[in-house]
Amino acid sequence: MASPECQALLRTANRLFRFEDLSRARALLEIMSDVYPDEPQVWAALATMATDDAEMTTFLSRASHANRQGLAT
């Protein structure tokens, strides 16, 4: 499960997305992917904002890898 800080930031990104502030939502998620690289929810959220199929595939692959790593610990 994501840390409380990560969860709060994910909620913020979701709010930005809902209010159609897509550039800020994506910027926040990109920063979060650097800070929380092992958090599958961050990568899954980025996948919803992908600009093309290749980018979506990359983000979903990262989410899957992070999830497998989390299950292994």
PDB file of N, CA and C in Angstrom:
ATOM      1  N   MET A   1       0.841  -1.182   0.000  1.00  0.00           N
ATOM      2  CA  MET A   1       0.000   0.000   0.000  1.00  0.00           C
ATOM      3  C   MET A   1       0.887   1.246   0.000  1.00  0.00           C
ATOM      4  N   ALA A   2       0.438   2.234  -0.736  1.00  0.00           N
ATOM      5  CA  ALA A   2       1.197   3.471  -0.857  1.00  0.00           C
ATOM      6  C   ALA A   2       1.257   4.204   0.480  1.00  0.00           C
ATOM      7  N   SER A   3       2.335   4.946   0.673  1.00  0.00           N
ATOM      8  CA  SER A   3       2.480   5.746   1.887  1.00  0.00           C
ATOM      9  C   SER A   3       1.374   6.798   1.940  1.00  0.00           C
ATOM     10  N   PRO A   4       1.079   7.306   3.128  1.00  0.00           N
ATOM     11  CA  PRO A   4       0.052   8.359   3.235  1.00  0.00           C
ATOM     12  C   PRO A   4       0.365   9.585   2.371  1.00  0.00           C
ATOM     13  N   GLU A   5       1.642   9.948   2.285  1.00  0.00           N
ATOM     14  CA  GLU A   5       2.020  11.103   1.464  1.00  0.00           C
ATOM     15  C   GLU A   5       1.742  10.836  -0.008  1.00  0.00           C
ATOM     16  N   CYS A   6       2.096   9.643  -0.468  1.00  0.00           N
ATOM     17  CA  CYS A   6       1.865   9.269  -1.857  1.00  0.00           C
ATOM     18  C   CYS A   6       0.362   9.236  -2.151  1.00  0.00           C
ATOM     19  N   GLN A   7      -0.411   8.684  -1.251  1.00  0.00           N
ATOM     20  CA  GLN A   7      -1.865   8.641  -1.432  1.00  0.00           C
ATOM     21  C   GLN A   7      -2.449  10.050  -1.540  1.00  0.00           C
ATOM     22  N   ALA A   8      -1.975  10.953  -0.695  1.00  0.00           N
ATOM     23  CA  ALA A   8      -2.465  12.338  -0.731  1.00  0.00           C
ATOM     24  C   ALA A   8      -2.116  12.995  -2.068  1.00  0.00           C
ATOM     25  N   LEU A   9      -0.907  12.749  -2.553  1.00  0.00           N
ATOM     26  CA  LEU A   9      -0.504  13.331  -3.834  1.00  0.00           C
ATOM     27  C   LEU A   9      -1.296  12.713  -4.993  1.00  0.00           C
ATOM     28  N   LEU A  10      -1.595  11.424  -4.905  1.00  0.00           N
ATOM     29  CA  LEU A  10      -2.420  10.791  -5.927  1.00  0.00           C
ATOM     30  C   LEU A  10      -3.824  11.400  -5.951  1.00  0.00           C
ATOM     31  N   ARG A  11      -4.370  11.687  -4.774  1.00  0.00           N
ATOM     32  CA  ARG A  11      -5.681  12.344  -4.710  1.00  0.00           C
ATOM     33  C   ARG A  11      -5.619  13.737  -5.330  1.00  0.00           C
ATOM     34  N   THR A  12      -4.523  14.446  -5.079  1.00  0.00           N
ATOM     35  CA  THR A  12      -4.354  15.773  -5.679  1.00  0.00           C
ATOM     36  C   THR A  12      -4.282  15.662  -7.205  1.00  0.00           C
ATOM     37  N   ALA A  13      -3.506  14.718  -7.705  1.00  0.00           N
ATOM     38  CA  ALA A  13      -3.410  14.520  -9.155  1.00  0.00           C
ATOM     39  C   ALA A  13      -4.780  14.176  -9.737  1.00  0.00           C
ATOM     40  N   ASN A  14      -5.538  13.358  -9.025  1.00  0.00           N
ATOM     41  CA  ASN A  14      -6.877  12.999  -9.475  1.00  0.00           C
ATOM     42  C   ASN A  14      -7.793  14.218  -9.539  1.00  0.00           C
ATOM     43  N   ARG A  15      -7.715  15.075  -8.523  1.00  0.00           N
ATOM     44  CA  ARG A  15      -8.519  16.300  -8.524  1.00  0.00           C
ATOM     45  C   ARG A  15      -8.138  17.191  -9.705  1.00  0.00           C
ATOM     46  N   LEU A  16      -6.844  17.351  -9.926  1.00  0.00           N
ATOM     47  CA  LEU A  16      -6.392  18.162 -11.058  1.00  0.00           C
ATOM     48  C   LEU A  16      -6.926  17.589 -12.377  1.00  0.00           C
ATOM     49  N   PHE A  17      -6.890  16.276 -12.493  1.00  0.00           N
ATOM     50  CA  PHE A  17      -7.397  15.623 -13.694  1.00  0.00           C
ATOM     51  C   PHE A  17      -8.894  15.876 -13.861  1.00  0.00           C
ATOM     52  N   ARG A  18      -9.640  15.715 -12.781  1.00  0.00           N
ATOM     53  CA  ARG A  18     -11.098  15.917 -12.839  1.00  0.00           C
ATOM     54  C   ARG A  18     -11.461  17.352 -13.212  1.00  0.00           C
ATOM     55  N   PHE A  19     -10.645  18.294 -12.773  1.00  0.00           N
ATOM     56  CA  PHE A  19     -10.901  19.702 -13.098  1.00  0.00           C
ATOM     57  C   PHE A  19     -10.219  20.112 -14.415  1.00  0.00           C
ATOM     58  N   GLU A  20      -9.770  19.102 -15.154  1.00  0.00           N
ATOM     59  CA  GLU A  20      -9.195  19.277 -16.490  1.00  0.00           C
ATOM     60  C   GLU A  20      -7.928  20.118 -16.515  1.00  0.00           C
ATOM     61  N   ASP A  21      -7.189  20.087 -15.414  1.00  0.00           N
ATOM     62  CA  ASP A  21      -5.872  20.735 -15.376  1.00  0.00           C
ATOM     63  C   ASP A  21      -4.840  19.640 -15.673  1.00  0.00           C
ATOM     64  N   LEU A  22      -4.898  19.164 -16.910  1.00  0.00           N
ATOM     65  CA  LEU A  22      -4.146  17.975 -17.292  1.00  0.00           C
ATOM     66  C   LEU A  22      -2.640  18.174 -17.243  1.00  0.00           C
ATOM     67  N   SER A  23      -2.167  19.337 -17.612  1.00  0.00           N
ATOM     68  CA  SER A  23      -0.718  19.551 -17.609  1.00  0.00           C
ATOM     69  C   SER A  23      -0.162  19.504 -16.183  1.00  0.00           C
ATOM     70  N   ARG A  24      -0.867  20.106 -15.248  1.00  0.00           N
ATOM     71  CA  ARG A  24      -0.394  20.059 -13.852  1.00  0.00           C
ATOM     72  C   ARG A  24      -0.544  18.654 -13.269  1.00  0.00           C
ATOM     73  N   ALA A  25      -1.607  17.952 -13.606  1.00  0.00           N
ATOM     74  CA  ALA A  25      -1.788  16.580 -13.120  1.00  0.00           C
ATOM     75  C   ALA A  25      -0.644  15.698 -13.616  1.00  0.00           C
ATOM     76  N   ARG A  26      -0.340  15.815 -14.892  1.00  0.00           N
ATOM     77  CA  ARG A  26       0.733  14.996 -15.444  1.00  0.00           C
ATOM     78  C   ARG A  26       2.085  15.380 -14.855  1.00  0.00           C
ATOM     79  N   ALA A  27       2.333  16.675 -14.696  1.00  0.00           N
ATOM     80  CA  ALA A  27       3.598  17.121 -14.112  1.00  0.00           C
ATOM     81  C   ALA A  27       3.762  16.551 -12.705  1.00  0.00           C
ATOM     82  N   LEU A  28       2.705  16.594 -11.912  1.00  0.00           N
ATOM     83  CA  LEU A  28       2.761  16.041 -10.559  1.00  0.00           C
ATOM     84  C   LEU A  28       3.050  14.551 -10.605  1.00  0.00           C
ATOM     85  N   LEU A  29       2.367  13.815 -11.478  1.00  0.00           N
ATOM     86  CA  LEU A  29       2.589  12.372 -11.578  1.00  0.00           C
ATOM     87  C   LEU A  29       4.006  12.048 -12.058  1.00  0.00           C
ATOM     88  N   GLU A  30       4.550  12.853 -12.953  1.00  0.00           N
ATOM     89  CA  GLU A  30       5.920  12.613 -13.412  1.00  0.00           C
ATOM     90  C   GLU A  30       6.920  12.813 -12.272  1.00  0.00           C
ATOM     91  N   ILE A  31       6.706  13.833 -11.471  1.00  0.00           N
ATOM     92  CA  ILE A  31       7.569  14.042 -10.298  1.00  0.00           C
ATOM     93  C   ILE A  31       7.414  12.872  -9.337  1.00  0.00           C
ATOM     94  N   MET A  32       6.161  12.456  -9.133  1.00  0.00           N
ATOM     95  CA  MET A  32       5.909  11.335  -8.223  1.00  0.00           C
ATOM     96  C   MET A  32       6.584  10.056  -8.710  1.00  0.00           C
ATOM     97  N   SER A  33       6.672   9.868 -10.029  1.00  0.00           N
ATOM     98  CA  SER A  33       7.320   8.659 -10.545  1.00  0.00           C
ATOM     99  C   SER A  33       8.811   8.641 -10.217  1.00  0.00           C
ATOM    100  N   ASP A  34       9.406   9.817 -10.035  1.00  0.00           N
ATOM    101  CA  ASP A  34      10.804   9.890  -9.605  1.00  0.00           C
ATOM    102  C   ASP A  34      10.932   9.650  -8.099  1.00  0.00           C
ATOM    103  N   VAL A  35       9.986  10.185  -7.341  1.00  0.00           N
ATOM    104  CA  VAL A  35      10.029  10.075  -5.875  1.00  0.00           C
ATOM    105  C   VAL A  35       9.558   8.698  -5.400  1.00  0.00           C
ATOM    106  N   TYR A  36       8.555   8.153  -6.088  1.00  0.00           N
ATOM    107  CA  TYR A  36       7.965   6.855  -5.716  1.00  0.00           C
ATOM    108  C   TYR A  36       8.051   5.885  -6.894  1.00  0.00           C
ATOM    109  N   PRO A  37       9.255   5.532  -7.350  1.00  0.00           N
ATOM    110  CA  PRO A  37       9.377   4.689  -8.549  1.00  0.00           C
ATOM    111  C   PRO A  37       8.846   3.270  -8.364  1.00  0.00           C
ATOM    112  N   ASP A  38       8.686   2.833  -7.132  1.00  0.00           N
ATOM    113  CA  ASP A  38       8.214   1.475  -6.859  1.00  0.00           C
ATOM    114  C   ASP A  38       6.732   1.431  -6.522  1.00  0.00           C
ATOM    115  N   GLU A  39       6.019   2.524  -6.785  1.00  0.00           N
ATOM    116  CA  GLU A  39       4.592   2.595  -6.452  1.00  0.00           C
ATOM    117  C   GLU A  39       3.755   2.365  -7.719  1.00  0.00           C
ATOM    118  N   PRO A  40       3.115   1.194  -7.833  1.00  0.00           N
ATOM    119  CA  PRO A  40       2.362   0.894  -9.048  1.00  0.00           C
ATOM    120  C   PRO A  40       1.231   1.878  -9.339  1.00  0.00           C
ATOM    121  N   GLN A  41       0.610   2.428  -8.315  1.00  0.00           N
ATOM    122  CA  GLN A  41      -0.502   3.358  -8.537  1.00  0.00           C
ATOM    123  C   GLN A  41      -0.056   4.614  -9.281  1.00  0.00           C
ATOM    124  N   VAL A  42       1.167   5.039  -9.041  1.00  0.00           N
ATOM    125  CA  VAL A  42       1.684   6.223  -9.737  1.00  0.00           C
ATOM    126  C   VAL A  42       1.803   5.929 -11.232  1.00  0.00           C
ATOM    127  N   TRP A  43       2.382   4.773 -11.558  1.00  0.00           N
ATOM    128  CA  TRP A  43       2.556   4.404 -12.962  1.00  0.00           C
ATOM    129  C   TRP A  43       1.213   4.163 -13.644  1.00  0.00           C
ATOM    130  N   ALA A  44       0.273   3.555 -12.935  1.00  0.00           N
ATOM    131  CA  ALA A  44      -1.059   3.327 -13.499  1.00  0.00           C
ATOM    132  C   ALA A  44      -1.752   4.656 -13.780  1.00  0.00           C
ATOM    133  N   ALA A  45      -1.602   5.603 -12.870  1.00  0.00           N
ATOM    134  CA  ALA A  45      -2.199   6.925 -13.080  1.00  0.00           C
ATOM    135  C   ALA A  45      -1.559   7.611 -14.284  1.00  0.00           C
ATOM    136  N   LEU A  46      -0.249   7.495 -14.410  1.00  0.00           N
ATOM    137  CA  LEU A  46       0.417   8.074 -15.576  1.00  0.00           C
ATOM    138  C   LEU A  46      -0.084   7.426 -16.866  1.00  0.00           C
ATOM    139  N   ALA A  47      -0.357   6.134 -16.828  1.00  0.00           N
ATOM    140  CA  ALA A  47      -0.850   5.440 -18.026  1.00  0.00           C
ATOM    141  C   ALA A  47      -2.165   6.037 -18.504  1.00  0.00           C
ATOM    142  N   THR A  48      -2.990   6.514 -17.573  1.00  0.00           N
ATOM    143  CA  THR A  48      -4.265   7.114 -17.984  1.00  0.00           C
ATOM    144  C   THR A  48      -4.063   8.439 -18.702  1.00  0.00           C
ATOM    145  N   MET A  49      -2.875   9.011 -18.560  1.00  0.00           N
ATOM    146  CA  MET A  49      -2.587  10.306 -19.182  1.00  0.00           C
ATOM    147  C   MET A  49      -1.608  10.176 -20.346  1.00  0.00           C
ATOM    148  N   ALA A  50      -1.353   8.953 -20.776  1.00  0.00           N
ATOM    149  CA  ALA A  50      -0.395   8.722 -21.857  1.00  0.00           C
ATOM    150  C   ALA A  50      -0.831   9.437 -23.129  1.00  0.00           C
ATOM    151  N   THR A  51       0.158   9.892 -23.877  1.00  0.00           N
ATOM    152  CA  THR A  51      -0.134  10.614 -25.113  1.00  0.00           C
ATOM    153  C   THR A  51      -0.249   9.681 -26.313  1.00  0.00           C
ATOM    154  N   ASP A  52       0.228   8.437 -26.157  1.00  0.00           N
ATOM    155  CA  ASP A  52       0.101   7.464 -27.246  1.00  0.00           C
ATOM    156  C   ASP A  52       0.195   6.051 -26.671  1.00  0.00           C
ATOM    157  N   ASP A  53      -0.026   5.068 -27.529  1.00  0.00           N
ATOM    158  CA  ASP A  53      -0.044   3.673 -27.078  1.00  0.00           C
ATOM    159  C   ASP A  53       1.307   3.217 -26.545  1.00  0.00           C
ATOM    160  N   ALA A  54       2.388   3.670 -27.153  1.00  0.00           N
ATOM    161  CA  ALA A  54       3.727   3.262 -26.708  1.00  0.00           C
ATOM    162  C   ALA A  54       3.994   3.768 -25.295  1.00  0.00           C
ATOM    163  N   GLU A  55       3.624   5.009 -25.040  1.00  0.00           N
ATOM    164  CA  GLU A  55       3.824   5.572 -23.710  1.00  0.00           C
ATOM    165  C   GLU A  55       2.952   4.843 -22.685  1.00  0.00           C
ATOM    166  N   MET A  56       1.712   4.551 -23.063  1.00  0.00           N
ATOM    167  CA  MET A  56       0.819   3.834 -22.150  1.00  0.00           C
ATOM    168  C   MET A  56       1.394   2.454 -21.821  1.00  0.00           C
ATOM    169  N   THR A  57       1.902   1.786 -22.827  1.00  0.00           N
ATOM    170  CA  THR A  57       2.494   0.463 -22.615  1.00  0.00           C
ATOM    171  C   THR A  57       3.685   0.542 -21.669  1.00  0.00           C
ATOM    172  N   THR A  58       4.510   1.555 -21.840  1.00  0.00           N
ATOM    173  CA  THR A  58       5.671   1.742 -20.962  1.00  0.00           C
ATOM    174  C   THR A  58       5.232   1.954 -19.522  1.00  0.00           C
ATOM    175  N   PHE A  59       4.249   2.838 -19.318  1.00  0.00           N
ATOM    176  CA  PHE A  59       3.784   3.118 -17.962  1.00  0.00           C
ATOM    177  C   PHE A  59       3.136   1.888 -17.328  1.00  0.00           C
ATOM    178  N   LEU A  60       2.341   1.152 -18.105  1.00  0.00           N
ATOM    179  CA  LEU A  60       1.698  -0.054 -17.559  1.00  0.00           C
ATOM    180  C   LEU A  60       2.723  -1.132 -17.246  1.00  0.00           C
ATOM    181  N   SER A  61       3.769  -1.211 -18.049  1.00  0.00           N
ATOM    182  CA  SER A  61       4.851  -2.155 -17.772  1.00  0.00           C
ATOM    183  C   SER A  61       5.547  -1.808 -16.459  1.00  0.00           C
ATOM    184  N   ARG A  62       5.790  -0.516 -16.254  1.00  0.00           N
ATOM    185  CA  ARG A  62       6.409  -0.076 -14.996  1.00  0.00           C
ATOM    186  C   ARG A  62       5.496  -0.386 -13.810  1.00  0.00           C
ATOM    187  N   ALA A  63       4.186  -0.179 -13.990  1.00  0.00           N
ATOM    188  CA  ALA A  63       3.220  -0.476 -12.919  1.00  0.00           C
ATOM    189  C   ALA A  63       3.247  -1.962 -12.592  1.00  0.00           C
ATOM    190  N   SER A  64       3.269  -2.789 -13.615  1.00  0.00           N
ATOM    191  CA  SER A  64       3.297  -4.241 -13.416  1.00  0.00           C
ATOM    192  C   SER A  64       4.581  -4.670 -12.714  1.00  0.00           C
ATOM    193  N   HIS A  65       5.705  -4.119 -13.153  1.00  0.00           N
ATOM    194  CA  HIS A  65       6.996  -4.444 -12.532  1.00  0.00           C
ATOM    195  C   HIS A  65       7.016  -4.013 -11.060  1.00  0.00           C
ATOM    196  N   ALA A  66       6.546  -2.805 -10.792  1.00  0.00           N
ATOM    197  CA  ALA A  66       6.512  -2.307  -9.405  1.00  0.00           C
ATOM    198  C   ALA A  66       5.610  -3.172  -8.548  1.00  0.00           C
ATOM    199  N   ASN A  67       4.491  -3.616  -9.126  1.00  0.00           N
ATOM    200  CA  ASN A  67       3.563  -4.472  -8.378  1.00  0.00           C
ATOM    201  C   ASN A  67       4.207  -5.811  -8.047  1.00  0.00           C
ATOM    202  N   ARG A  68       4.897  -6.398  -9.026  1.00  0.00           N
ATOM    203  CA  ARG A  68       5.589  -7.678  -8.779  1.00  0.00           C
ATOM    204  C   ARG A  68       6.670  -7.519  -7.710  1.00  0.00           C
ATOM    205  N   GLN A  69       7.407  -6.394  -7.767  1.00  0.00           N
ATOM    206  CA  GLN A  69       8.437  -6.152  -6.756  1.00  0.00           C
ATOM    207  C   GLN A  69       7.809  -6.033  -5.371  1.00  0.00           C
ATOM    208  N   GLY A  70       6.677  -5.361  -5.283  1.00  0.00           N
ATOM    209  CA  GLY A  70       5.991  -5.202  -4.005  1.00  0.00           C
ATOM    210  C   GLY A  70       5.486  -6.515  -3.457  1.00  0.00           C
ATOM    211  N   LEU A  71       5.048  -7.409  -4.330  1.00  0.00           N
ATOM    212  CA  LEU A  71       4.556  -8.715  -3.904  1.00  0.00           C
ATOM    213  C   LEU A  71       5.690  -9.616  -3.426  1.00  0.00           C
ATOM    214  N   ALA A  72       6.885  -9.390  -3.969  1.00  0.00           N
ATOM    215  CA  ALA A  72       8.041 -10.219  -3.629  1.00  0.00           C
ATOM    216  C   ALA A  72       8.626  -9.877  -2.262  1.00  0.00           C
ATOM    217  N   THR A  73       8.295  -8.712  -1.726  1.00  0.00           N
ATOM    218  CA  THR A  73       8.879  -8.313  -0.440  1.00  0.00           C
ATOM    219  C   THR A  73       8.019  -8.726   0.711  1.00  0.00           C
TER     220      THR A  73
END
